[in-house]
Amino acid sequence: MPTDIVIAQTTIDDEGRAEALALGAVEARLAACAHVDPPFKAVYRWQGAVQVEREWRITYKTTRDRLPALAEWVAAEHPYEVPEWIVLPVDSGSEAYLRWVAEESADA
């Protein structure tokens, strides 16, 4: 059964900026929580050349209602010309956890 909770992800090439993107979204109640994953190697094509960079992934837990505001905020705060922005539906989960995400993402 689908829920109103989604997981949104972006990546960035600086640990401090990753932490700022995570903290800022939670402080603004755009997401209930955000995880900053350890650095990983990203291999991608950009402007006609293959790039190999170190990046950090930020994973947000939020609601469908708060998603547009979160997406707008990340786009404004993110320095990349084309930042990754992927949204995954949450089909199910612990009722208590999903309720917590909804409560903590609510616009105050």
C-alpha atoms as a PDB file:
ATOM      1  CA  MET A   1       0.000   0.000   0.000  1.00  0.00           C
ATOM      2  CA  PRO A   2       1.579   3.334  -1.054  1.00  0.00           C
ATOM      3  CA  THR A   3       2.149   5.958   1.613  1.00  0.00           C
ATOM      4  CA  ASP A   4       2.482   9.744   1.593  1.00  0.00           C
ATOM      5  CA  ILE A   5       6.174   9.396   2.434  1.00  0.00           C
ATOM      6  CA  VAL A   6       8.931   9.726  -0.165  1.00  0.00           C
ATOM      7  CA  ILE A   7      12.702   9.489  -0.209  1.00  0.00           C
ATOM      8  CA  ALA A   8      14.533  12.171  -2.188  1.00  0.00           C
ATOM      9  CA  GLN A   9      18.235  12.112  -3.000  1.00  0.00           C
ATOM     10  CA  THR A  10      20.939  14.424  -4.243  1.00  0.00           C
ATOM     11  CA  THR A  11      24.727  14.290  -4.337  1.00  0.00           C
ATOM     12  CA  ILE A  12      27.480  16.862  -3.878  1.00  0.00           C
ATOM     13  CA  ASP A  13      31.272  16.942  -4.028  1.00  0.00           C
ATOM     14  CA  ASP A  14      31.947  18.555  -0.638  1.00  0.00           C
ATOM     15  CA  GLU A  15      31.294  17.043   2.803  1.00  0.00           C
ATOM     16  CA  GLY A  16      30.600  20.398   4.461  1.00  0.00           C
ATOM     17  CA  ARG A  17      28.066  21.333   1.803  1.00  0.00           C
ATOM     18  CA  ALA A  18      26.468  17.892   2.144  1.00  0.00           C
ATOM     19  CA  GLU A  19      26.030  18.461   5.867  1.00  0.00           C
ATOM     20  CA  ALA A  20      24.653  21.963   5.227  1.00  0.00           C
ATOM     21  CA  LEU A  21      22.109  20.597   2.735  1.00  0.00           C
ATOM     22  CA  ALA A  22      21.035  17.950   5.238  1.00  0.00           C
ATOM     23  CA  LEU A  23      20.875  20.252   8.254  1.00  0.00           C
ATOM     24  CA  GLY A  24      19.165  23.132   6.462  1.00  0.00           C
ATOM     25  CA  ALA A  25      16.341  20.968   5.131  1.00  0.00           C
ATOM     26  CA  VAL A  26      15.652  19.427   8.536  1.00  0.00           C
ATOM     27  CA  GLU A  27      15.845  22.781  10.328  1.00  0.00           C
ATOM     28  CA  ALA A  28      13.340  24.204   7.822  1.00  0.00           C
ATOM     29  CA  ARG A  29      11.045  21.187   8.397  1.00  0.00           C
ATOM     30  CA  LEU A  30      11.254  20.306   4.711  1.00  0.00           C
ATOM     31  CA  ALA A  31      12.315  16.790   5.730  1.00  0.00           C
ATOM     32  CA  ALA A  32      12.027  14.815   8.956  1.00  0.00           C
ATOM     33  CA  CYS A  33      15.592  13.591   8.587  1.00  0.00           C
ATOM     34  CA  ALA A  34      18.448  13.456   6.151  1.00  0.00           C
ATOM     35  CA  HIS A  35      21.307  10.985   5.877  1.00  0.00           C
ATOM     36  CA  VAL A  36      24.721  11.931   4.557  1.00  0.00           C
ATOM     37  CA  ASP A  37      26.406   8.813   3.216  1.00  0.00           C
ATOM     38  CA  PRO A  38      30.192   8.352   3.284  1.00  0.00           C
ATOM     39  CA  PRO A  39      32.009   9.506   0.163  1.00  0.00           C
ATOM     40  CA  PHE A  40      31.859   7.294  -2.899  1.00  0.00           C
ATOM     41  CA  LYS A  41      33.288   7.426  -6.387  1.00  0.00           C
ATOM     42  CA  ALA A  42      30.958   8.865  -9.021  1.00  0.00           C
ATOM     43  CA  VAL A  43      31.652   8.112 -12.672  1.00  0.00           C
ATOM     44  CA  TYR A  44      29.571  10.097 -15.143  1.00  0.00           C
ATOM     45  CA  ARG A  45      29.613  11.862 -18.484  1.00  0.00           C
ATOM     46  CA  TRP A  46      29.482  15.658 -18.320  1.00  0.00           C
ATOM     47  CA  GLN A  47      29.926  18.083 -21.202  1.00  0.00           C
ATOM     48  CA  GLY A  48      31.292  15.391 -23.490  1.00  0.00           C
ATOM     49  CA  ALA A  49      33.892  13.945 -21.108  1.00  0.00           C
ATOM     50  CA  VAL A  50      33.865  11.113 -18.584  1.00  0.00           C
ATOM     51  CA  GLN A  51      34.370  12.437 -15.047  1.00  0.00           C
ATOM     52  CA  VAL A  52      35.486  10.548 -11.945  1.00  0.00           C
ATOM     53  CA  GLU A  53      34.794  12.432  -8.713  1.00  0.00           C
ATOM     54  CA  ARG A  54      34.255  11.848  -5.017  1.00  0.00           C
ATOM     55  CA  GLU A  55      30.737  12.711  -3.847  1.00  0.00           C
ATOM     56  CA  TRP A  56      28.466  12.431  -0.817  1.00  0.00           C
ATOM     57  CA  ARG A  57      24.809  11.367  -1.112  1.00  0.00           C
ATOM     58  CA  ILE A  58      22.150  13.178   0.893  1.00  0.00           C
ATOM     59  CA  THR A  59      18.943  11.185   1.394  1.00  0.00           C
ATOM     60  CA  TYR A  60      15.856  13.001   2.667  1.00  0.00           C
ATOM     61  CA  LYS A  61      12.718  11.483   4.218  1.00  0.00           C
ATOM     62  CA  THR A  62       9.706  13.726   3.711  1.00  0.00           C
ATOM     63  CA  THR A  63       6.071  13.802   2.594  1.00  0.00           C
ATOM     64  CA  ARG A  64       4.639  14.259  -0.885  1.00  0.00           C
ATOM     65  CA  ASP A  65       3.123  17.544   0.316  1.00  0.00           C
ATOM     66  CA  ARG A  66       6.518  18.933   1.403  1.00  0.00           C
ATOM     67  CA  LEU A  67       8.405  17.567  -1.606  1.00  0.00           C
ATOM     68  CA  PRO A  68       7.911  20.605  -3.908  1.00  0.00           C
ATOM     69  CA  ALA A  69       9.227  22.981  -1.241  1.00  0.00           C
ATOM     70  CA  LEU A  70      12.172  20.658  -0.523  1.00  0.00           C
ATOM     71  CA  ALA A  71      12.997  20.372  -4.229  1.00  0.00           C
ATOM     72  CA  GLU A  72      12.869  24.149  -4.643  1.00  0.00           C
ATOM     73  CA  TRP A  73      15.064  24.697  -1.576  1.00  0.00           C
ATOM     74  CA  VAL A  74      17.682  22.128  -2.663  1.00  0.00           C
ATOM     75  CA  ALA A  75      17.790  23.613  -6.183  1.00  0.00           C
ATOM     76  CA  ALA A  76      18.382  27.093  -4.727  1.00  0.00           C
ATOM     77  CA  GLU A  77      21.060  25.925  -2.264  1.00  0.00           C
ATOM     78  CA  HIS A  78      22.879  23.430  -4.489  1.00  0.00           C
ATOM     79  CA  PRO A  79      25.896  24.756  -6.430  1.00  0.00           C
ATOM     80  CA  TYR A  80      25.754  22.215  -9.299  1.00  0.00           C
ATOM     81  CA  GLU A  81      24.418  23.356 -12.654  1.00  0.00           C
ATOM     82  CA  VAL A  82      22.400  20.117 -12.871  1.00  0.00           C
ATOM     83  CA  PRO A  83      22.194  18.508  -9.426  1.00  0.00           C
ATOM     84  CA  GLU A  84      20.954  14.968  -9.046  1.00  0.00           C
ATOM     85  CA  TRP A  85      17.361  14.953  -7.831  1.00  0.00           C
ATOM     86  CA  ILE A  86      15.696  11.559  -7.572  1.00  0.00           C
ATOM     87  CA  VAL A  87      12.485  10.806  -5.705  1.00  0.00           C
ATOM     88  CA  LEU A  88      11.479   7.303  -4.650  1.00  0.00           C
ATOM     89  CA  PRO A  89       8.066   6.339  -3.285  1.00  0.00           C
ATOM     90  CA  VAL A  90       7.809   4.540   0.036  1.00  0.00           C
ATOM     91  CA  ASP A  91       5.365   1.697  -0.497  1.00  0.00           C
ATOM     92  CA  SER A  92       5.241   0.612   3.126  1.00  0.00           C
ATOM     93  CA  GLY A  93       7.040   0.787   6.430  1.00  0.00           C
ATOM     94  CA  SER A  94       6.645   0.940  10.161  1.00  0.00           C
ATOM     95  CA  GLU A  95       3.455   2.842  10.950  1.00  0.00           C
ATOM     96  CA  ALA A  96       5.175   4.636  13.835  1.00  0.00           C
ATOM     97  CA  TYR A  97       8.140   5.685  11.670  1.00  0.00           C
ATOM     98  CA  LEU A  98       5.967   6.879   8.789  1.00  0.00           C
ATOM     99  CA  ARG A  99       3.828   8.892  11.210  1.00  0.00           C
ATOM    100  CA  TRP A 100       6.991  10.436  12.691  1.00  0.00           C
ATOM    101  CA  VAL A 101       8.236  11.457   9.212  1.00  0.00           C
ATOM    102  CA  ALA A 102       4.875  13.083   8.467  1.00  0.00           C
ATOM    103  CA  GLU A 103       4.789  14.927  11.800  1.00  0.00           C
ATOM    104  CA  GLU A 104       8.378  16.178  11.605  1.00  0.00           C
ATOM    105  CA  SER A 105       8.040  17.288   7.973  1.00  0.00           C
ATOM    106  CA  ALA A 106       4.866  19.267   8.613  1.00  0.00           C
ATOM    107  CA  ASP A 107       5.006  22.984   7.950  1.00  0.00           C
ATOM    108  CA  ALA A 108       5.135  24.581  11.405  1.00  0.00           C
END
